[in-house]
């Protein structure tokens, strides 16, 4: 049976999952990439090193965000949301968001000494004084969800 997720189910899926995908587009290039994220108050929070995703979102801040929970090909849930990218530059907000991301990501690491491949430094809550680590938010303005139950 195919169906639509209601608003509460959409919110639950966005809150539950640690990895989603950003779709962005600029200069004739469409780019989709997975990210670790935190969802709170209709906003996706994430971090990144500078690269293609950041370059594209700076050029065109209108992005798409997608998450899914797939048990098998006939038992899944998926949410697609649209929103606007914005870099976080305020140092206090940066520290708060970084701590939220750390709290969300670390329980999903397989060992106590594991570290994500980029964005985390010795003192994980220290985001530094320069902008090597880019923290950003996507303020969502539309969400839709679908499911299939076999």
N, C-alpha and C. Protein backbone atom coordinates (compact mmCIF):
# COMPACT_ATOMS: atom_id res chain seq x y z
N UNK A 1 0.84 -1.17 0.00
CA UNK A 1 0.00 0.00 0.00
C UNK A 1 0.89 1.25 0.00
N UNK A 2 0.65 2.13 -0.93
CA UNK A 2 1.32 3.42 -0.99
C UNK A 2 0.49 4.46 -0.27
N UNK A 3 1.16 5.44 0.33
CA UNK A 3 0.41 6.49 1.01
C UNK A 3 1.25 7.71 1.29
N UNK A 4 0.59 8.70 1.86
CA UNK A 4 1.24 9.95 2.24
C UNK A 4 1.46 9.99 3.74
N UNK A 5 2.62 10.47 4.17
CA UNK A 5 2.88 10.69 5.59
C UNK A 5 2.17 11.95 6.03
N UNK A 6 1.62 11.92 7.25
CA UNK A 6 1.02 13.14 7.78
C UNK A 6 2.12 14.02 8.38
N UNK A 7 1.74 15.21 8.82
CA UNK A 7 2.72 16.17 9.34
C UNK A 7 3.52 15.60 10.51
N UNK A 8 2.88 14.92 11.43
CA UNK A 8 3.59 14.35 12.58
C UNK A 8 4.58 13.27 12.14
N UNK A 9 4.20 12.44 11.18
CA UNK A 9 5.10 11.40 10.68
C UNK A 9 6.30 12.01 9.95
N UNK A 10 6.07 13.09 9.22
CA UNK A 10 7.16 13.80 8.54
C UNK A 10 8.14 14.34 9.58
N UNK A 11 7.61 14.99 10.62
CA UNK A 11 8.46 15.54 11.67
C UNK A 11 9.26 14.44 12.37
N UNK A 12 8.60 13.31 12.67
CA UNK A 12 9.27 12.19 13.34
C UNK A 12 10.43 11.66 12.50
N UNK A 13 10.21 11.51 11.20
CA UNK A 13 11.26 10.97 10.34
C UNK A 13 12.45 11.94 10.27
N UNK A 14 12.16 13.23 10.14
CA UNK A 14 13.24 14.22 10.11
C UNK A 14 14.03 14.25 11.42
N UNK A 15 13.35 14.07 12.54
CA UNK A 15 14.02 14.07 13.85
C UNK A 15 14.83 12.79 14.07
N UNK A 16 14.35 11.67 13.55
CA UNK A 16 14.92 10.36 13.86
C UNK A 16 16.22 10.08 13.11
N UNK A 17 16.31 10.47 11.86
CA UNK A 17 17.41 10.02 11.02
C UNK A 17 18.63 10.93 11.14
N UNK A 18 19.84 10.35 11.14
CA UNK A 18 21.06 11.15 11.27
C UNK A 18 21.67 11.57 9.92
N UNK A 19 21.22 10.96 8.82
CA UNK A 19 21.79 11.27 7.50
C UNK A 19 20.67 11.59 6.53
N UNK A 20 20.85 12.67 5.79
CA UNK A 20 19.93 13.06 4.73
C UNK A 20 20.74 13.45 3.51
N UNK A 21 20.05 13.90 2.48
CA UNK A 21 20.72 14.30 1.24
C UNK A 21 20.26 15.70 0.84
N UNK A 22 21.24 16.51 0.45
CA UNK A 22 20.94 17.84 -0.07
C UNK A 22 21.02 17.78 -1.59
N UNK A 23 20.03 18.36 -2.23
CA UNK A 23 20.06 18.56 -3.67
C UNK A 23 20.17 20.05 -3.93
N UNK A 24 21.17 20.43 -4.72
CA UNK A 24 21.37 21.84 -5.02
C UNK A 24 21.71 22.00 -6.51
N UNK A 25 21.54 23.21 -7.02
CA UNK A 25 21.71 23.43 -8.45
C UNK A 25 22.17 24.86 -8.72
N UNK A 26 23.21 25.01 -9.54
CA UNK A 26 23.67 26.33 -10.00
C UNK A 26 24.52 26.15 -11.24
N UNK A 27 24.50 27.13 -12.09
CA UNK A 27 25.33 27.14 -13.31
C UNK A 27 25.17 25.88 -14.14
N UNK A 28 23.95 25.34 -14.20
CA UNK A 28 23.70 24.16 -15.01
C UNK A 28 24.14 22.85 -14.40
N UNK A 29 24.60 22.87 -13.15
CA UNK A 29 25.07 21.66 -12.47
C UNK A 29 24.13 21.35 -11.31
N UNK A 30 23.62 20.12 -11.29
CA UNK A 30 22.82 19.63 -10.18
C UNK A 30 23.70 18.69 -9.37
N UNK A 31 23.67 18.84 -8.05
CA UNK A 31 24.55 18.07 -7.17
C UNK A 31 23.72 17.55 -5.99
N UNK A 32 23.83 16.26 -5.71
CA UNK A 32 23.14 15.64 -4.59
C UNK A 32 24.20 14.96 -3.73
N UNK A 33 24.17 15.23 -2.43
CA UNK A 33 25.21 14.72 -1.55
C UNK A 33 24.63 14.40 -0.17
N UNK A 34 25.08 13.29 0.45
CA UNK A 34 24.61 12.98 1.81
C UNK A 34 25.30 13.87 2.84
N UNK A 35 24.57 14.16 3.92
CA UNK A 35 25.12 14.94 5.03
C UNK A 35 24.63 14.38 6.35
N UNK A 36 25.42 14.60 7.40
CA UNK A 36 24.95 14.42 8.78
C UNK A 36 24.21 15.70 9.12
N UNK A 37 23.14 15.60 9.88
CA UNK A 37 22.36 16.80 10.18
C UNK A 37 21.65 16.68 11.51
N UNK A 38 21.17 17.82 11.96
CA UNK A 38 20.28 17.92 13.12
C UNK A 38 19.05 18.68 12.64
N UNK A 39 17.88 18.22 13.05
CA UNK A 39 16.63 18.90 12.69
C UNK A 39 16.00 19.46 13.95
N UNK A 40 15.66 20.75 13.89
CA UNK A 40 15.02 21.40 15.02
C UNK A 40 14.24 22.61 14.52
N UNK A 41 13.01 22.73 14.96
CA UNK A 41 12.18 23.92 14.68
C UNK A 41 12.15 24.26 13.19
N UNK A 42 11.82 23.27 12.37
CA UNK A 42 11.66 23.45 10.93
C UNK A 42 12.95 23.86 10.22
N UNK A 43 14.09 23.52 10.83
CA UNK A 43 15.39 23.91 10.29
C UNK A 43 16.34 22.72 10.32
N UNK A 44 17.06 22.53 9.21
CA UNK A 44 18.14 21.55 9.12
C UNK A 44 19.43 22.28 9.46
N UNK A 45 20.23 21.72 10.38
CA UNK A 45 21.54 22.28 10.72
C UNK A 45 22.61 21.28 10.32
N UNK A 46 23.70 21.79 9.71
CA UNK A 46 24.77 20.89 9.27
C UNK A 46 26.08 21.66 9.19
N UNK A 47 27.15 20.92 8.90
CA UNK A 47 28.48 21.51 8.75
C UNK A 47 29.15 20.92 7.52
N UNK A 48 30.17 21.62 7.05
CA UNK A 48 30.88 21.14 5.89
C UNK A 48 32.22 21.84 5.78
N UNK A 49 33.15 21.20 5.09
CA UNK A 49 34.33 21.89 4.61
C UNK A 49 33.92 22.58 3.32
N UNK A 50 34.70 23.56 2.86
CA UNK A 50 34.40 24.22 1.60
C UNK A 50 34.57 23.21 0.47
N UNK A 51 33.65 23.25 -0.47
CA UNK A 51 33.70 22.35 -1.61
C UNK A 51 32.56 22.63 -2.55
N UNK A 52 32.27 21.70 -3.44
CA UNK A 52 31.26 21.89 -4.47
C UNK A 52 29.89 22.22 -3.89
N UNK A 53 29.47 21.49 -2.85
CA UNK A 53 28.14 21.71 -2.25
C UNK A 53 28.01 23.14 -1.75
N UNK A 54 29.00 23.62 -1.00
CA UNK A 54 28.96 24.98 -0.46
C UNK A 54 29.01 26.00 -1.59
N UNK A 55 29.88 25.79 -2.57
CA UNK A 55 29.96 26.72 -3.70
C UNK A 55 28.63 26.85 -4.41
N UNK A 56 27.97 25.72 -4.67
CA UNK A 56 26.68 25.75 -5.37
C UNK A 56 25.61 26.43 -4.51
N UNK A 57 25.55 26.10 -3.21
CA UNK A 57 24.51 26.69 -2.36
C UNK A 57 24.73 28.19 -2.16
N UNK A 58 25.98 28.64 -2.18
CA UNK A 58 26.25 30.07 -2.10
C UNK A 58 25.72 30.79 -3.35
N UNK A 59 25.82 30.14 -4.50
CA UNK A 59 25.32 30.74 -5.74
C UNK A 59 23.80 30.70 -5.82
N UNK A 60 23.21 29.60 -5.36
CA UNK A 60 21.76 29.43 -5.39
C UNK A 60 21.32 28.81 -4.07
N UNK A 61 20.85 29.61 -3.13
CA UNK A 61 20.51 29.10 -1.80
C UNK A 61 19.22 28.29 -1.72
N UNK A 62 18.48 28.19 -2.81
CA UNK A 62 17.26 27.38 -2.80
C UNK A 62 17.64 25.92 -3.01
N UNK A 63 17.38 25.08 -2.00
CA UNK A 63 17.82 23.69 -2.02
C UNK A 63 16.68 22.73 -1.69
N UNK A 64 16.94 21.47 -1.93
CA UNK A 64 16.02 20.39 -1.60
C UNK A 64 16.73 19.49 -0.59
N UNK A 65 15.98 18.91 0.33
CA UNK A 65 16.54 18.01 1.34
C UNK A 65 15.70 16.75 1.38
N UNK A 66 16.33 15.58 1.45
CA UNK A 66 15.61 14.31 1.42
C UNK A 66 16.17 13.35 2.46
N UNK A 67 15.26 12.63 3.13
CA UNK A 67 15.63 11.54 4.03
C UNK A 67 14.75 10.34 3.72
N UNK A 68 15.25 9.15 4.04
CA UNK A 68 14.42 7.96 3.89
C UNK A 68 14.82 6.90 4.90
N UNK A 69 13.84 6.11 5.28
CA UNK A 69 14.04 4.94 6.13
C UNK A 69 13.54 3.76 5.31
N UNK A 70 14.46 2.92 4.88
CA UNK A 70 14.11 1.82 3.99
C UNK A 70 14.37 0.49 4.69
N UNK A 71 13.30 -0.27 4.91
CA UNK A 71 13.45 -1.62 5.45
C UNK A 71 13.69 -2.60 4.30
N UNK A 72 12.91 -2.47 3.25
CA UNK A 72 13.08 -3.23 2.01
C UNK A 72 12.31 -2.51 0.92
N UNK A 73 12.24 -3.08 -0.26
CA UNK A 73 11.66 -2.37 -1.40
C UNK A 73 10.16 -2.11 -1.29
N UNK A 74 9.48 -2.76 -0.38
CA UNK A 74 8.04 -2.51 -0.21
C UNK A 74 7.69 -2.03 1.20
N UNK A 75 8.70 -1.62 1.96
CA UNK A 75 8.49 -1.09 3.31
C UNK A 75 9.48 0.06 3.53
N UNK A 76 9.00 1.26 3.28
CA UNK A 76 9.87 2.43 3.39
C UNK A 76 9.06 3.69 3.67
N UNK A 77 9.77 4.73 4.14
CA UNK A 77 9.21 6.06 4.32
C UNK A 77 10.23 7.06 3.78
N UNK A 78 9.74 8.14 3.20
CA UNK A 78 10.63 9.14 2.63
C UNK A 78 10.02 10.53 2.80
N UNK A 79 10.88 11.49 3.09
CA UNK A 79 10.46 12.89 3.18
C UNK A 79 11.33 13.71 2.23
N UNK A 80 10.68 14.60 1.50
CA UNK A 80 11.38 15.59 0.68
C UNK A 80 10.93 16.95 1.18
N UNK A 81 11.91 17.84 1.37
CA UNK A 81 11.62 19.19 1.85
C UNK A 81 12.39 20.20 1.01
N UNK A 82 11.84 21.39 0.93
CA UNK A 82 12.50 22.46 0.20
C UNK A 82 12.75 23.59 1.18
N UNK A 83 13.87 24.29 0.97
CA UNK A 83 14.19 25.38 1.86
C UNK A 83 15.31 26.24 1.32
N UNK A 84 15.82 27.08 2.22
CA UNK A 84 16.82 28.07 1.83
C UNK A 84 18.06 27.94 2.71
N UNK A 85 19.20 27.81 2.05
CA UNK A 85 20.52 27.71 2.68
C UNK A 85 20.96 29.06 3.23
N UNK A 86 21.56 29.03 4.43
CA UNK A 86 22.14 30.24 5.01
C UNK A 86 23.32 29.83 5.88
N UNK A 87 24.46 30.46 5.65
CA UNK A 87 25.63 30.19 6.49
C UNK A 87 25.43 30.81 7.86
N UNK A 88 25.95 30.15 8.88
CA UNK A 88 25.88 30.65 10.25
C UNK A 88 27.21 31.31 10.56
N UNK A 89 27.18 32.60 10.82
CA UNK A 89 28.41 33.35 11.07
C UNK A 89 28.55 33.84 12.51
N UNK A 90 27.44 33.97 13.22
CA UNK A 90 27.50 34.40 14.62
C UNK A 90 28.20 33.33 15.45
N UNK A 91 29.25 33.72 16.17
CA UNK A 91 30.08 32.74 16.89
C UNK A 91 29.29 31.98 17.95
N UNK A 92 28.42 32.64 18.67
CA UNK A 92 27.63 31.94 19.70
C UNK A 92 26.69 30.92 19.06
N UNK A 93 26.04 31.30 17.97
CA UNK A 93 25.16 30.36 17.26
C UNK A 93 25.97 29.22 16.67
N UNK A 94 27.17 29.52 16.14
CA UNK A 94 28.03 28.48 15.59
C UNK A 94 28.39 27.43 16.65
N UNK A 95 28.76 27.89 17.84
CA UNK A 95 29.12 26.97 18.91
C UNK A 95 27.93 26.11 19.33
N UNK A 96 26.77 26.72 19.43
CA UNK A 96 25.56 25.99 19.81
C UNK A 96 25.22 24.93 18.76
N UNK A 97 25.25 25.30 17.50
CA UNK A 97 24.93 24.37 16.42
C UNK A 97 25.96 23.25 16.36
N UNK A 98 27.24 23.59 16.52
CA UNK A 98 28.27 22.55 16.48
C UNK A 98 28.06 21.54 17.60
N UNK A 99 27.69 22.01 18.78
CA UNK A 99 27.44 21.09 19.89
C UNK A 99 26.24 20.20 19.59
N UNK A 100 25.18 20.76 18.98
CA UNK A 100 24.03 19.93 18.60
C UNK A 100 24.45 18.84 17.61
N UNK A 101 25.30 19.20 16.64
CA UNK A 101 25.75 18.24 15.64
C UNK A 101 26.59 17.15 16.30
N UNK A 102 27.50 17.55 17.18
CA UNK A 102 28.33 16.57 17.89
C UNK A 102 27.45 15.60 18.68
N UNK A 103 26.48 16.14 19.42
CA UNK A 103 25.59 15.30 20.22
C UNK A 103 24.81 14.33 19.34
N UNK A 104 24.49 14.73 18.14
CA UNK A 104 23.71 13.89 17.22
C UNK A 104 24.57 12.84 16.53
N UNK A 105 25.77 13.22 16.13
CA UNK A 105 26.63 12.34 15.32
C UNK A 105 27.36 11.30 16.17
N UNK A 106 27.88 11.69 17.31
CA UNK A 106 28.75 10.79 18.07
C UNK A 106 28.10 9.47 18.48
N UNK A 107 26.82 9.42 18.84
CA UNK A 107 26.23 8.11 19.17
C UNK A 107 26.21 7.14 17.99
N UNK A 108 26.36 7.65 16.77
CA UNK A 108 26.33 6.80 15.59
C UNK A 108 27.71 6.35 15.15
N UNK A 109 28.76 6.76 15.87
CA UNK A 109 30.12 6.32 15.54
C UNK A 109 30.32 4.92 16.11
N UNK A 110 31.03 4.09 15.39
CA UNK A 110 31.17 2.68 15.77
C UNK A 110 32.19 2.43 16.87
N UNK A 111 33.11 3.34 17.10
CA UNK A 111 34.06 3.16 18.19
C UNK A 111 34.23 4.47 18.93
N UNK A 112 34.75 4.40 20.16
CA UNK A 112 34.89 5.59 20.98
C UNK A 112 35.95 6.54 20.44
N UNK A 113 36.89 6.05 19.64
CA UNK A 113 37.95 6.90 19.12
C UNK A 113 37.68 7.39 17.70
N UNK A 114 36.58 6.96 17.11
CA UNK A 114 36.26 7.36 15.73
C UNK A 114 35.93 8.84 15.68
N UNK A 115 36.32 9.47 14.58
CA UNK A 115 36.00 10.87 14.33
C UNK A 115 35.46 11.00 12.91
N UNK A 116 34.48 11.87 12.69
CA UNK A 116 34.05 12.11 11.32
C UNK A 116 35.22 12.62 10.49
N UNK A 117 35.16 12.46 9.18
CA UNK A 117 36.30 12.74 8.32
C UNK A 117 36.65 14.21 8.20
N UNK A 118 35.73 15.11 8.46
CA UNK A 118 36.06 16.53 8.39
C UNK A 118 35.18 17.30 9.36
N UNK A 119 35.70 18.45 9.74
CA UNK A 119 34.89 19.37 10.52
C UNK A 119 35.05 19.28 12.02
N UNK A 120 35.67 18.24 12.53
CA UNK A 120 35.85 18.13 13.97
C UNK A 120 37.33 18.29 14.29
N UNK A 121 37.62 19.11 15.31
CA UNK A 121 38.99 19.34 15.71
C UNK A 121 39.16 18.82 17.12
N UNK A 122 40.37 18.94 17.68
CA UNK A 122 40.68 18.39 18.99
C UNK A 122 39.64 18.68 20.05
N UNK A 123 39.32 19.95 20.26
CA UNK A 123 38.25 20.32 21.18
C UNK A 123 37.01 20.50 20.33
N UNK A 124 36.17 19.48 20.30
CA UNK A 124 35.08 19.42 19.33
C UNK A 124 34.12 20.59 19.40
N UNK A 125 33.98 21.22 20.57
CA UNK A 125 33.04 22.35 20.66
C UNK A 125 33.70 23.66 20.24
N UNK A 126 35.01 23.64 19.97
CA UNK A 126 35.73 24.84 19.52
C UNK A 126 35.61 24.92 18.01
N UNK A 127 34.82 25.87 17.53
CA UNK A 127 34.65 26.01 16.08
C UNK A 127 35.71 26.92 15.49
N UNK A 128 36.59 27.47 16.31
CA UNK A 128 37.69 28.29 15.82
C UNK A 128 37.27 29.71 15.50
N UNK A 129 38.27 30.53 15.16
CA UNK A 129 38.02 31.93 14.86
C UNK A 129 37.95 32.19 13.36
N UNK A 130 38.40 31.24 12.55
CA UNK A 130 38.30 31.44 11.11
C UNK A 130 37.18 30.56 10.57
N UNK A 131 36.96 30.60 9.29
CA UNK A 131 35.80 29.93 8.74
C UNK A 131 36.24 28.75 7.87
N UNK A 132 37.10 27.88 8.40
CA UNK A 132 37.44 26.65 7.70
C UNK A 132 36.28 25.67 7.80
N UNK A 133 35.65 25.66 8.95
CA UNK A 133 34.47 24.83 9.17
C UNK A 133 33.25 25.69 8.89
N UNK A 134 32.46 25.28 7.93
CA UNK A 134 31.28 26.04 7.54
C UNK A 134 30.07 25.40 8.20
N UNK A 135 29.41 26.16 9.04
CA UNK A 135 28.16 25.72 9.65
C UNK A 135 27.04 26.45 8.93
N UNK A 136 25.96 25.71 8.67
CA UNK A 136 24.87 26.31 7.92
C UNK A 136 23.54 25.74 8.36
N UNK A 137 22.49 26.44 7.94
CA UNK A 137 21.14 25.97 8.21
C UNK A 137 20.33 26.07 6.93
N UNK A 138 19.33 25.22 6.87
CA UNK A 138 18.36 25.25 5.78
C UNK A 138 17.00 25.44 6.43
N UNK A 139 16.43 26.61 6.23
CA UNK A 139 15.10 26.91 6.76
C UNK A 139 14.08 26.33 5.78
N UNK A 140 13.32 25.35 6.25
CA UNK A 140 12.39 24.64 5.37
C UNK A 140 11.10 25.43 5.19
N UNK A 141 10.59 25.43 3.95
CA UNK A 141 9.34 26.12 3.69
C UNK A 141 8.27 25.21 3.10
N UNK A 142 8.65 23.96 2.76
CA UNK A 142 7.67 23.00 2.26
C UNK A 142 8.20 21.59 2.53
N UNK A 143 7.30 20.70 2.95
CA UNK A 143 7.67 19.31 3.22
C UNK A 143 6.58 18.38 2.72
N UNK A 144 7.00 17.25 2.20
CA UNK A 144 6.06 16.22 1.79
C UNK A 144 6.65 14.85 2.14
N UNK A 145 5.79 13.89 2.38
CA UNK A 145 6.27 12.56 2.74
C UNK A 145 5.42 11.47 2.13
N UNK A 146 6.06 10.37 1.81
CA UNK A 146 5.38 9.21 1.23
C UNK A 146 5.86 7.96 1.96
N UNK A 147 5.08 6.89 1.82
CA UNK A 147 5.48 5.60 2.38
C UNK A 147 4.91 4.49 1.53
N UNK A 148 5.51 3.31 1.73
CA UNK A 148 4.95 2.08 1.19
C UNK A 148 5.04 1.03 2.28
N UNK A 149 3.94 0.30 2.49
CA UNK A 149 3.89 -0.81 3.44
C UNK A 149 3.44 -2.03 2.68
N UNK A 150 4.30 -3.07 2.70
CA UNK A 150 3.99 -4.28 1.96
C UNK A 150 3.27 -5.31 2.79
